[in-house]
Amino acid sequence: MLVALAFPALAGGKLVTQTKVANLDDDPQPEKVVPQEVCLPPAGEAVVSDCPPGDFPQRHIEIEDTCGGAPYASVISSEQDFVQTLKVSNFESLTKRPEIFFDLRSGAGGRVGEIRIVSWEDTATPAACRKPRDLFVYPSRRTLGKVPRHTKSHDTFAATVRNHTKRYAGKEVRLVETYVDRNDPFCCPSFERITWFGYNAGKDLYVRIATRVKRIKKR
């Protein structure tokens, strides 16, 4: 019941279910980026199939390609209740080909989930199987902000990828995290942290370039 109610509550019926097609690597054939529905049985690993009663439908992001002339698929995310955002674009001009940006969420308020930017790496030989590389992962040690002083816990998070500021070249990840004070209900956080991440070609990662924490004015 909670899974079913989470969808319209957070995304207003605009959940991502459609496959995207793009050339992600150095061969001429396009790849498919699939928000694949899977079943999460009460015990065991997720299974790609129609969900029978008692199982829970979830989704993960899967890349469909070929390897050695045969179909090949690689899952590049965890399983979550729904896909909120899925974009395929060359976000950074320093990279050769498009990257995949996605935001998956779980729970009635969508406060659990993950955000990633992933590239589909070229290989040295045409027959080799390509592998995903994470350029940005949230939450992770590199991206998760510390809980501000005098706050109780992390509340919500969101991220966008665009040219947010002219101070830095290319497109940046703008990550917004909110935190609740000890006396706050979860609807009304007291602090907001905004962190910008820019692509570093030497590390082949999005790295932190600036951060700002401010108290949210209460009306």
C-alpha atoms as a PDB file:
ATOM      1  CA  MET A   1       0.000   0.000   0.000  1.00  0.00           C
ATOM      2  CA  LEU A   2       2.778   2.456   0.917  1.00  0.00           C
ATOM      3  CA  VAL A   3       4.604   1.697  -2.325  1.00  0.00           C
ATOM      4  CA  ALA A   4       1.493   2.392  -4.360  1.00  0.00           C
ATOM      5  CA  LEU A   5       0.791   5.663  -2.538  1.00  0.00           C
ATOM      6  CA  ALA A   6       4.358   6.909  -2.916  1.00  0.00           C
ATOM      7  CA  PHE A   7       4.132   7.346  -6.679  1.00  0.00           C
ATOM      8  CA  PRO A   8       1.504  10.088  -7.038  1.00  0.00           C
ATOM      9  CA  ALA A   9       2.525  11.751  -3.780  1.00  0.00           C
ATOM     10  CA  LEU A  10       6.011  12.618  -4.992  1.00  0.00           C
ATOM     11  CA  ALA A  11       5.933  12.685  -8.765  1.00  0.00           C
ATOM     12  CA  GLY A  12       2.353  13.605  -9.576  1.00  0.00           C
ATOM     13  CA  GLY A  13       1.953  10.801 -12.122  1.00  0.00           C
ATOM     14  CA  LYS A  14       5.084  11.756 -14.119  1.00  0.00           C
ATOM     15  CA  LEU A  15       7.190   8.733 -13.245  1.00  0.00           C
ATOM     16  CA  VAL A  16       9.735   7.537 -15.791  1.00  0.00           C
ATOM     17  CA  THR A  17       8.887   4.222 -17.460  1.00  0.00           C
ATOM     18  CA  GLN A  18      10.026   4.739 -21.061  1.00  0.00           C
ATOM     19  CA  THR A  19      13.271   3.377 -22.510  1.00  0.00           C
ATOM     20  CA  LYS A  20      15.805   5.863 -23.897  1.00  0.00           C
ATOM     21  CA  VAL A  21      17.982   5.028 -26.916  1.00  0.00           C
ATOM     22  CA  ALA A  22      21.402   6.620 -27.442  1.00  0.00           C
ATOM     23  CA  ASN A  23      24.898   5.807 -28.662  1.00  0.00           C
ATOM     24  CA  LEU A  24      26.803   5.592 -25.378  1.00  0.00           C
ATOM     25  CA  ASP A  25      30.098   4.147 -26.625  1.00  0.00           C
ATOM     26  CA  ASP A  26      32.510   3.949 -29.561  1.00  0.00           C
ATOM     27  CA  ASP A  27      30.604   1.437 -31.712  1.00  0.00           C
ATOM     28  CA  PRO A  28      27.969   2.550 -34.272  1.00  0.00           C
ATOM     29  CA  GLN A  29      25.055   0.659 -32.676  1.00  0.00           C
ATOM     30  CA  PRO A  30      22.898   2.574 -30.177  1.00  0.00           C
ATOM     31  CA  GLU A  31      22.315   1.266 -26.664  1.00  0.00           C
ATOM     32  CA  LYS A  32      19.079   1.189 -24.659  1.00  0.00           C
ATOM     33  CA  VAL A  33      18.743   2.726 -21.200  1.00  0.00           C
ATOM     34  CA  VAL A  34      15.846   0.900 -19.579  1.00  0.00           C
ATOM     35  CA  PRO A  35      13.964   1.813 -16.367  1.00  0.00           C
ATOM     36  CA  GLN A  36      13.336  -1.914 -15.926  1.00  0.00           C
ATOM     37  CA  GLU A  37      10.535  -3.110 -13.655  1.00  0.00           C
ATOM     38  CA  VAL A  38      11.551  -5.964 -11.374  1.00  0.00           C
ATOM     39  CA  CYS A  39       9.880  -7.952  -8.631  1.00  0.00           C
ATOM     40  CA  LEU A  40      11.173  -7.890  -5.083  1.00  0.00           C
ATOM     41  CA  PRO A  41      10.053 -11.146  -3.466  1.00  0.00           C
ATOM     42  CA  PRO A  42       9.688 -11.301   0.326  1.00  0.00           C
ATOM     43  CA  ALA A  43      13.051 -13.109   0.329  1.00  0.00           C
ATOM     44  CA  GLY A  44      15.708 -13.304  -2.354  1.00  0.00           C
ATOM     45  CA  GLU A  45      17.035 -11.148  -5.182  1.00  0.00           C
ATOM     46  CA  ALA A  46      14.954  -9.011  -7.521  1.00  0.00           C
ATOM     47  CA  VAL A  47      13.567 -10.824 -10.574  1.00  0.00           C
ATOM     48  CA  VAL A  48      12.594  -9.294 -13.932  1.00  0.00           C
ATOM     49  CA  SER A  49       8.984 -10.445 -14.361  1.00  0.00           C
ATOM     50  CA  ASP A  50       5.376  -9.481 -13.794  1.00  0.00           C
ATOM     51  CA  CYS A  51       4.796  -9.292 -10.062  1.00  0.00           C
ATOM     52  CA  PRO A  52       2.462 -11.907  -8.558  1.00  0.00           C
ATOM     53  CA  PRO A  53       0.401 -11.081  -5.458  1.00  0.00           C
ATOM     54  CA  GLY A  54       2.609 -10.686  -2.403  1.00  0.00           C
ATOM     55  CA  ASP A  55       5.619  -9.378  -4.317  1.00  0.00           C
ATOM     56  CA  PHE A  56       6.586  -5.715  -4.668  1.00  0.00           C
ATOM     57  CA  PRO A  57       7.223  -4.037  -8.041  1.00  0.00           C
ATOM     58  CA  GLN A  58      10.357  -1.912  -8.123  1.00  0.00           C
ATOM     59  CA  ARG A  59      12.615  -0.519 -10.834  1.00  0.00           C
ATOM     60  CA  HIS A  60      16.283  -0.288 -11.616  1.00  0.00           C
ATOM     61  CA  ILE A  61      18.230   1.234 -14.511  1.00  0.00           C
ATOM     62  CA  GLU A  62      19.663  -1.226 -17.018  1.00  0.00           C
ATOM     63  CA  ILE A  63      21.813  -0.711 -20.110  1.00  0.00           C
ATOM     64  CA  GLU A  64      21.142  -3.095 -22.998  1.00  0.00           C
ATOM     65  CA  ASP A  65      24.094  -3.517 -25.378  1.00  0.00           C
ATOM     66  CA  THR A  66      25.902  -6.298 -27.235  1.00  0.00           C
ATOM     67  CA  CYS A  67      29.071  -8.122 -26.234  1.00  0.00           C
ATOM     68  CA  GLY A  68      30.835 -10.457 -28.664  1.00  0.00           C
ATOM     69  CA  GLY A  69      27.835 -10.205 -30.971  1.00  0.00           C
ATOM     70  CA  ALA A  70      25.393 -11.378 -28.279  1.00  0.00           C
ATOM     71  CA  PRO A  71      22.877  -9.365 -26.235  1.00  0.00           C
ATOM     72  CA  TYR A  72      24.388  -8.030 -23.037  1.00  0.00           C
ATOM     73  CA  ALA A  73      22.768  -6.169 -20.139  1.00  0.00           C
ATOM     74  CA  SER A  74      24.252  -4.385 -17.142  1.00  0.00           C
ATOM     75  CA  VAL A  75      22.335  -3.004 -14.152  1.00  0.00           C
ATOM     76  CA  ILE A  76      23.733   0.389 -13.100  1.00  0.00           C
ATOM     77  CA  SER A  77      21.539   1.246 -10.116  1.00  0.00           C
ATOM     78  CA  SER A  78      19.981  -0.226  -7.013  1.00  0.00           C
ATOM     79  CA  GLU A  79      16.337  -1.307  -6.876  1.00  0.00           C
ATOM     80  CA  GLN A  80      13.965   1.451  -5.738  1.00  0.00           C
ATOM     81  CA  ASP A  81      10.208   2.035  -5.825  1.00  0.00           C
ATOM     82  CA  PHE A  82      10.203   4.327  -8.857  1.00  0.00           C
ATOM     83  CA  VAL A  83      12.325   6.344 -11.285  1.00  0.00           C
ATOM     84  CA  GLN A  84      11.797  10.067 -10.820  1.00  0.00           C
ATOM     85  CA  THR A  85      14.319  11.339 -13.402  1.00  0.00           C
ATOM     86  CA  LEU A  86      16.191   9.725 -16.293  1.00  0.00           C
ATOM     87  CA  LYS A  87      18.210  11.822 -18.755  1.00  0.00           C
ATOM     88  CA  VAL A  88      20.814  10.863 -21.352  1.00  0.00           C
ATOM     89  CA  SER A  89      22.982  13.731 -22.553  1.00  0.00           C
ATOM     90  CA  ASN A  90      26.567  14.858 -23.020  1.00  0.00           C
ATOM     91  CA  PHE A  91      26.491  16.899 -19.821  1.00  0.00           C
ATOM     92  CA  GLU A  92      30.191  17.680 -19.956  1.00  0.00           C
ATOM     93  CA  SER A  93      31.937  18.790 -23.168  1.00  0.00           C
ATOM     94  CA  LEU A  94      35.226  17.320 -21.916  1.00  0.00           C
ATOM     95  CA  THR A  95      33.805  13.799 -22.285  1.00  0.00           C
ATOM     96  CA  LYS A  96      33.423  12.112 -25.669  1.00  0.00           C
ATOM     97  CA  ARG A  97      29.930  10.686 -25.374  1.00  0.00           C
ATOM     98  CA  PRO A  98      26.647  11.006 -23.470  1.00  0.00           C
ATOM     99  CA  GLU A  99      26.275  10.262 -19.789  1.00  0.00           C
ATOM    100  CA  ILE A 100      23.228   8.918 -17.931  1.00  0.00           C
ATOM    101  CA  PHE A 101      21.712  10.957 -15.089  1.00  0.00           C
ATOM    102  CA  PHE A 102      19.028   9.319 -12.970  1.00  0.00           C
ATOM    103  CA  ASP A 103      17.181   9.790  -9.690  1.00  0.00           C
ATOM    104  CA  LEU A 104      15.454   6.771  -8.112  1.00  0.00           C
ATOM    105  CA  ARG A 105      13.309   6.983  -4.970  1.00  0.00           C
ATOM    106  CA  SER A 106      11.537   4.817  -2.413  1.00  0.00           C
ATOM    107  CA  GLY A 107       9.114   5.370   0.434  1.00  0.00           C
ATOM    108  CA  ALA A 108       5.921   7.329   0.918  1.00  0.00           C
ATOM    109  CA  GLY A 109       7.795  10.635   0.959  1.00  0.00           C
ATOM    110  CA  GLY A 110      10.544   9.698  -1.478  1.00  0.00           C
ATOM    111  CA  ARG A 111      13.215  10.421   1.134  1.00  0.00           C
ATOM    112  CA  VAL A 112      15.162   7.267   0.334  1.00  0.00           C
ATOM    113  CA  GLY A 113      16.912   6.633  -2.959  1.00  0.00           C
ATOM    114  CA  GLU A 114      19.961   7.411  -5.031  1.00  0.00           C
ATOM    115  CA  ILE A 115      21.169   9.848  -7.681  1.00  0.00           C
ATOM    116  CA  ARG A 116      23.918   8.989 -10.170  1.00  0.00           C
ATOM    117  CA  ILE A 117      25.702  10.119 -13.293  1.00  0.00           C
ATOM    118  CA  VAL A 118      27.076   7.113 -15.153  1.00  0.00           C
ATOM    119  CA  SER A 119      29.168   6.733 -18.304  1.00  0.00           C
ATOM    120  CA  TRP A 120      29.314   3.619 -20.486  1.00  0.00           C
ATOM    121  CA  GLU A 121      33.040   3.078 -20.925  1.00  0.00           C
ATOM    122  CA  ASP A 122      34.709   2.340 -24.260  1.00  0.00           C
ATOM    123  CA  THR A 123      36.802  -0.820 -24.487  1.00  0.00           C
ATOM    124  CA  ALA A 124      40.157  -1.684 -26.031  1.00  0.00           C
ATOM    125  CA  THR A 125      38.700  -4.422 -28.257  1.00  0.00           C
ATOM    126  CA  PRO A 126      35.346  -4.509 -30.098  1.00  0.00           C
ATOM    127  CA  ALA A 127      34.404  -7.888 -28.616  1.00  0.00           C
ATOM    128  CA  ALA A 128      34.959  -6.861 -24.993  1.00  0.00           C
ATOM    129  CA  CYS A 129      32.041  -6.175 -22.673  1.00  0.00           C
ATOM    130  CA  ARG A 130      31.701  -2.534 -21.725  1.00  0.00           C
ATOM    131  CA  LYS A 131      31.348  -1.508 -18.093  1.00  0.00           C
ATOM    132  CA  PRO A 132      29.620   1.406 -16.367  1.00  0.00           C
ATOM    133  CA  ARG A 133      31.627   4.041 -14.524  1.00  0.00           C
ATOM    134  CA  ASP A 134      30.072   6.143 -11.776  1.00  0.00           C
ATOM    135  CA  LEU A 135      30.959   9.814 -12.207  1.00  0.00           C
ATOM    136  CA  PHE A 136      28.657  11.008  -9.418  1.00  0.00           C
ATOM    137  CA  VAL A 137      26.883   9.015  -6.696  1.00  0.00           C
ATOM    138  CA  TYR A 138      24.594  10.337  -3.978  1.00  0.00           C
ATOM    139  CA  PRO A 139      24.546   9.437  -1.177  1.00  0.00           C
ATOM    140  CA  SER A 140      28.206   8.485  -0.844  1.00  0.00           C
ATOM    141  CA  ARG A 141      31.253   9.500   1.177  1.00  0.00           C
ATOM    142  CA  ARG A 142      32.236  11.982  -1.528  1.00  0.00           C
ATOM    143  CA  THR A 143      28.867  13.680  -1.842  1.00  0.00           C
ATOM    144  CA  LEU A 144      26.912  13.368   1.420  1.00  0.00           C
ATOM    145  CA  GLY A 145      27.113  16.548   3.481  1.00  0.00           C
ATOM    146  CA  LYS A 146      27.715  16.520   7.220  1.00  0.00           C
ATOM    147  CA  VAL A 147      24.687  17.110   9.411  1.00  0.00           C
ATOM    148  CA  PRO A 148      24.832  20.802  10.406  1.00  0.00           C
ATOM    149  CA  ARG A 149      25.307  21.664  14.046  1.00  0.00           C
ATOM    150  CA  HIS A 150      22.111  21.861  16.123  1.00  0.00           C
ATOM    151  CA  THR A 151      20.105  19.817  13.592  1.00  0.00           C
ATOM    152  CA  LYS A 152      18.538  16.449  14.260  1.00  0.00           C
ATOM    153  CA  SER A 153      18.759  14.563  10.966  1.00  0.00           C
ATOM    154  CA  HIS A 154      18.811  14.630   7.191  1.00  0.00           C
ATOM    155  CA  ASP A 155      15.408  15.335   5.626  1.00  0.00           C
ATOM    156  CA  THR A 156      15.251  15.555   1.811  1.00  0.00           C
ATOM    157  CA  PHE A 157      17.574  15.796  -1.188  1.00  0.00           C
ATOM    158  CA  ALA A 158      17.402  16.753  -4.867  1.00  0.00           C
ATOM    159  CA  ALA A 159      19.880  17.353  -7.682  1.00  0.00           C
ATOM    160  CA  THR A 160      19.939  19.003 -11.094  1.00  0.00           C
ATOM    161  CA  VAL A 161      22.588  19.085 -13.828  1.00  0.00           C
ATOM    162  CA  ARG A 162      22.934  22.330 -15.771  1.00  0.00           C
ATOM    163  CA  ASN A 163      25.171  25.354 -16.153  1.00  0.00           C
ATOM    164  CA  HIS A 164      24.216  26.856 -12.801  1.00  0.00           C
ATOM    165  CA  THR A 165      26.965  29.450 -12.631  1.00  0.00           C
ATOM    166  CA  LYS A 166      29.374  31.159 -15.020  1.00  0.00           C
ATOM    167  CA  ARG A 167      32.146  30.903 -12.435  1.00  0.00           C
ATOM    168  CA  TYR A 168      32.786  27.294 -13.511  1.00  0.00           C
ATOM    169  CA  ALA A 169      33.076  25.829 -17.008  1.00  0.00           C
ATOM    170  CA  GLY A 170      30.540  23.251 -18.226  1.00  0.00           C
ATOM    171  CA  LYS A 171      27.496  21.929 -16.403  1.00  0.00           C
ATOM    172  CA  GLU A 172      27.493  21.431 -12.653  1.00  0.00           C
ATOM    173  CA  VAL A 173      25.554  19.132 -10.355  1.00  0.00           C
ATOM    174  CA  ARG A 174      23.595  21.273  -7.912  1.00  0.00           C
ATOM    175  CA  LEU A 175      22.727  19.184  -4.874  1.00  0.00           C
ATOM    176  CA  VAL A 176      20.206  20.498  -2.339  1.00  0.00           C
ATOM    177  CA  GLU A 177      19.900  18.775   1.043  1.00  0.00           C
ATOM    178  CA  THR A 178      17.564  19.814   3.853  1.00  0.00           C
ATOM    179  CA  TYR A 179      17.861  19.059   7.559  1.00  0.00           C
ATOM    180  CA  VAL A 180      15.333  19.170  10.377  1.00  0.00           C
ATOM    181  CA  ASP A 181      16.017  20.813  13.719  1.00  0.00           C
ATOM    182  CA  ARG A 182      15.379  18.989  16.969  1.00  0.00           C
ATOM    183  CA  ASN A 183      11.933  20.552  17.216  1.00  0.00           C
ATOM    184  CA  ASP A 184      10.969  20.402  13.521  1.00  0.00           C
ATOM    185  CA  PRO A 185       8.358  18.129  11.939  1.00  0.00           C
ATOM    186  CA  PHE A 186       9.679  16.467   8.767  1.00  0.00           C
ATOM    187  CA  CYS A 187       7.502  18.759   6.671  1.00  0.00           C
ATOM    188  CA  CYS A 188       9.373  21.861   7.757  1.00  0.00           C
ATOM    189  CA  PRO A 189      13.195  21.652   7.745  1.00  0.00           C
ATOM    190  CA  SER A 190      15.272  24.397   9.353  1.00  0.00           C
ATOM    191  CA  PHE A 191      18.489  24.142   7.342  1.00  0.00           C
ATOM    192  CA  GLU A 192      19.395  23.861   3.677  1.00  0.00           C
ATOM    193  CA  ARG A 193      22.765  22.869   2.255  1.00  0.00           C
ATOM    194  CA  ILE A 194      23.517  23.591  -1.414  1.00  0.00           C
ATOM    195  CA  THR A 195      26.603  21.941  -2.901  1.00  0.00           C
ATOM    196  CA  TRP A 196      27.953  22.288  -6.420  1.00  0.00           C
ATOM    197  CA  PHE A 197      29.990  19.544  -8.091  1.00  0.00           C
ATOM    198  CA  GLY A 198      31.975  20.018 -11.294  1.00  0.00           C
ATOM    199  CA  TYR A 199      33.531  17.453 -13.613  1.00  0.00           C
ATOM    200  CA  ASN A 200      37.272  16.843 -13.078  1.00  0.00           C
ATOM    201  CA  ALA A 201      38.829  15.287 -16.183  1.00  0.00           C
ATOM    202  CA  GLY A 202      41.941  14.081 -14.330  1.00  0.00           C
ATOM    203  CA  LYS A 203      39.880  12.115 -11.800  1.00  0.00           C
ATOM    204  CA  ASP A 204      37.041  11.369 -14.264  1.00  0.00           C
ATOM    205  CA  LEU A 205      34.619  12.295 -11.490  1.00  0.00           C
ATOM    206  CA  TYR A 206      32.361  15.105 -10.389  1.00  0.00           C
ATOM    207  CA  VAL A 207      34.115  16.745  -7.431  1.00  0.00           C
ATOM    208  CA  ARG A 208      32.901  19.255  -4.856  1.00  0.00           C
ATOM    209  CA  ILE A 209      33.629  22.850  -5.884  1.00  0.00           C
ATOM    210  CA  ALA A 210      31.506  24.909  -3.494  1.00  0.00           C
ATOM    211  CA  THR A 211      29.026  24.497  -0.661  1.00  0.00           C
ATOM    212  CA  ARG A 212      26.703  26.740   1.327  1.00  0.00           C
ATOM    213  CA  VAL A 213      24.580  26.100   4.411  1.00  0.00           C
ATOM    214  CA  LYS A 214      21.813  28.469   5.436  1.00  0.00           C
ATOM    215  CA  ARG A 215      18.913  28.549   7.848  1.00  0.00           C
ATOM    216  CA  ILE A 216      15.490  28.426   6.194  1.00  0.00           C
ATOM    217  CA  LYS A 217      13.252  31.316   7.181  1.00  0.00           C
ATOM    218  CA  LYS A 218      10.019  30.134   8.731  1.00  0.00           C
ATOM    219  CA  ARG A 219       6.797  31.872   7.755  1.00  0.00           C
END
